[in-house]
Every structure is written in structure tokens, then in C-alpha cells.
Protein backbone atom coordinates (compact mmCIF):
# COMPACT_ATOMS: atom_id res chain seq x y z
CA VAL A 1 -0.03 -0.15 0.06
CA HIS A 2 1.42 3.53 -1.00
CA LEU A 3 -0.08 6.88 -1.14
CA ALA A 4 1.37 9.68 -3.07
CA GLN A 5 0.02 13.21 -2.55
CA SER A 6 0.16 16.08 -5.04
CA GLY A 7 -1.30 19.69 -4.93
CA GLY A 8 -1.53 22.17 -2.12
CA GLY A 9 0.36 25.44 -1.94
CA LEU A 10 -0.45 29.16 -1.07
CA VAL A 11 -3.93 30.71 -1.70
CA LYS A 12 -5.75 33.62 -0.59
CA SER A 13 -8.59 33.64 1.54
CA GLY A 14 -11.79 32.58 -0.24
CA GLY A 15 -9.82 30.69 -2.94
CA SER A 16 -9.73 27.10 -3.86
CA LEU A 17 -7.40 24.42 -3.99
CA ARG A 18 -7.47 20.66 -4.96
CA LEU A 19 -5.52 17.90 -3.33
CA SER A 20 -4.82 14.69 -4.88
CA CYS A 21 -3.69 11.16 -3.62
CA ALA A 22 -2.64 8.35 -5.93
CA GLY A 23 -2.96 5.05 -4.47
CA SER A 24 -0.83 2.09 -5.64
CA GLY A 25 -0.94 -1.58 -4.25
CA PHE A 26 -4.67 -1.61 -3.51
CA THR A 27 -7.82 -0.12 -4.75
CA ILE A 28 -8.92 3.35 -3.38
CA GLY A 29 -12.43 2.35 -4.24
CA TYR A 30 -12.69 -0.49 -2.12
CA TYR A 31 -11.10 0.60 1.04
CA GLY A 32 -11.84 3.35 3.76
CA MET A 33 -10.29 6.62 2.75
CA ALA A 34 -9.71 9.81 4.53
CA TRP A 35 -8.09 13.49 4.68
CA PHE A 36 -6.56 14.69 7.65
CA ARG A 37 -4.74 17.93 8.66
CA GLN A 38 -2.42 18.79 11.36
CA VAL A 39 -0.99 22.15 12.58
CA PRO A 40 1.98 22.50 14.91
CA GLY A 41 1.25 21.61 18.44
CA LYS A 42 -2.21 19.96 17.83
CA GLU A 43 -3.30 16.59 17.04
CA ARG A 44 -3.92 15.26 13.53
CA GLU A 45 -7.53 15.96 12.78
CA GLY A 46 -9.84 13.82 10.53
CA ILE A 47 -11.92 16.28 8.12
CA ALA A 48 -13.21 14.15 5.64
CA CYS A 49 -13.77 10.29 5.41
CA ILE A 50 -15.23 8.10 2.63
CA SER A 51 -16.25 4.57 2.31
CA SER A 52 -19.75 3.59 1.99
CA THR A 53 -20.64 6.72 3.79
CA GLN A 54 -19.11 10.17 3.85
CA TYR A 55 -18.17 12.20 7.06
CA TYR A 56 -17.03 15.77 7.20
CA SER A 57 -15.98 17.67 10.34
CA ASP A 58 -17.84 20.77 11.31
CA SER A 59 -14.89 22.85 10.36
CA VAL A 60 -15.00 21.88 6.57
CA LYS A 61 -18.55 21.05 6.04
CA GLY A 62 -20.20 22.66 3.11
CA ARG A 63 -16.71 23.97 1.79
CA PHE A 64 -14.55 20.81 1.24
CA THR A 65 -15.57 17.59 -0.88
CA ILE A 66 -13.76 14.39 -0.55
CA SER A 67 -14.26 12.09 -3.85
CA ARG A 68 -12.65 9.03 -5.54
CA ASP A 69 -11.71 8.43 -9.11
CA ASN A 70 -12.09 4.76 -9.19
CA VAL A 71 -10.69 4.46 -12.79
CA ASN A 72 -7.27 6.20 -12.13
CA ASN A 73 -7.17 5.20 -8.38
CA ILE A 74 -7.05 8.82 -7.08
CA LEU A 75 -8.63 10.29 -3.89
CA TYR A 76 -9.35 14.00 -4.19
CA LEU A 77 -9.98 16.79 -1.67
CA GLN A 78 -11.59 19.70 -3.31
CA MET A 79 -11.36 22.82 -0.85
CA ASN A 80 -13.45 25.78 -1.45
CA LYS A 81 -13.92 29.13 0.24
CA LEU A 82 -10.80 28.72 2.03
CA LYS A 83 -9.92 30.42 5.39
CA PRO A 84 -6.56 31.19 7.10
CA GLU A 85 -7.54 28.80 9.84
CA ASP A 86 -7.39 25.93 7.17
CA THR A 87 -3.76 26.53 7.10
CA ALA A 88 -2.16 22.91 7.72
CA VAL A 89 -0.31 19.99 6.65
CA TYR A 90 -2.84 17.80 4.81
CA PHE A 91 -2.61 13.95 4.80
CA CYS A 92 -4.53 11.43 2.77
CA ALA A 93 -4.91 8.10 4.57
CA THR A 94 -6.34 4.65 4.24
CA THR A 95 -7.72 1.88 6.80
CA GLY A 96 -6.29 -0.92 4.48
CA ARG A 97 -9.79 -2.46 4.92
CA ARG A 98 -13.19 -1.96 3.61
CA ASP A 99 -14.56 0.57 5.99
CA TYR A 100 -13.63 3.10 8.52
CA GLY A 101 -14.97 2.87 12.13
CA SER A 102 -14.64 6.54 12.89
CA CYS A 103 -12.75 9.41 11.16
CA GLU A 104 -10.09 9.18 13.54
CA ARG A 105 -6.26 8.83 13.46
CA ARG A 106 -6.37 5.44 15.25
CA GLU A 107 -8.30 3.92 12.58
CA PHE A 108 -5.97 4.51 9.63
CA ASP A 109 -2.90 2.62 8.99
CA TYR A 110 -1.23 3.93 6.03
CA TRP A 111 -0.44 7.59 5.06
CA GLY A 112 0.39 9.94 2.35
CA GLN A 113 3.60 12.15 2.74
CA GLY A 114 1.69 15.39 3.51
CA SER A 115 1.09 18.52 1.65
CA GLN A 116 1.39 22.17 2.82
CA VAL A 117 -1.63 24.37 2.57
CA THR A 118 -1.27 27.98 3.36
CA VAL A 119 -4.16 30.57 3.08
CA SER A 120 -3.31 34.03 3.45
CA SER A 121 -5.52 36.77 4.65
């Protein structure tokens, strides 16, 4: 199982970015997948999870969308209406099994390398 992230960068408040996470060694469409983010000194936060259901944290609900391209084996996070408080390192992850119990770090065993997202005011 390997996850390779791309995307991220610097954007102004109110702007949009899309993160990508290409999977290899497994099929993204069959496994529980997620996006997390982390800022220095804080816990890694699960913001969007997907399997047969979807979950969004209150902090991103209505602005971010998690999706899967099952043909190309890619997980996406579309981020709209970005705010300075969205600034963080973002990680994709998989449970390595069909579902996820909860959108929490302890459920996920495989991680991407991380992508910095910086939102300027």
C-alpha cells in the first residue's frame, strides 16, 4: 500500500485548491479513505472520510468535498472558500480495509507524505 500526494500550496482567503492522493498496491474505491490535517502543536484532525458513507468535520462541512476516481485510483479533496484557519499540513490515509469505524487517526494505518496548504488573509 502506497499513497502519493500532490497539490497544495499558497492561496488567498476565499480561494480554492484541490489535493490529490494516488494509490498503488490497493484499490482506493474498495477501502476506507480519509483526509486529515495537522497544525504544529495540535492533534491530527480527521476532516473528511469516505467508504460506503461520508463524514465531514464541522470545520469543513459545506466547503470541502472528498471524492474518488476509481478508474485512475485517485482520492481528491476539493477545498473551496478557504480560510486562514485552514492552513495546515494535509494528509491522505487509508484504513487498509473496507470501511472506517470513525474518522479518527487510530483507524488509519497507511498515510501519504503530507501537503502544505497555506491560506493568506
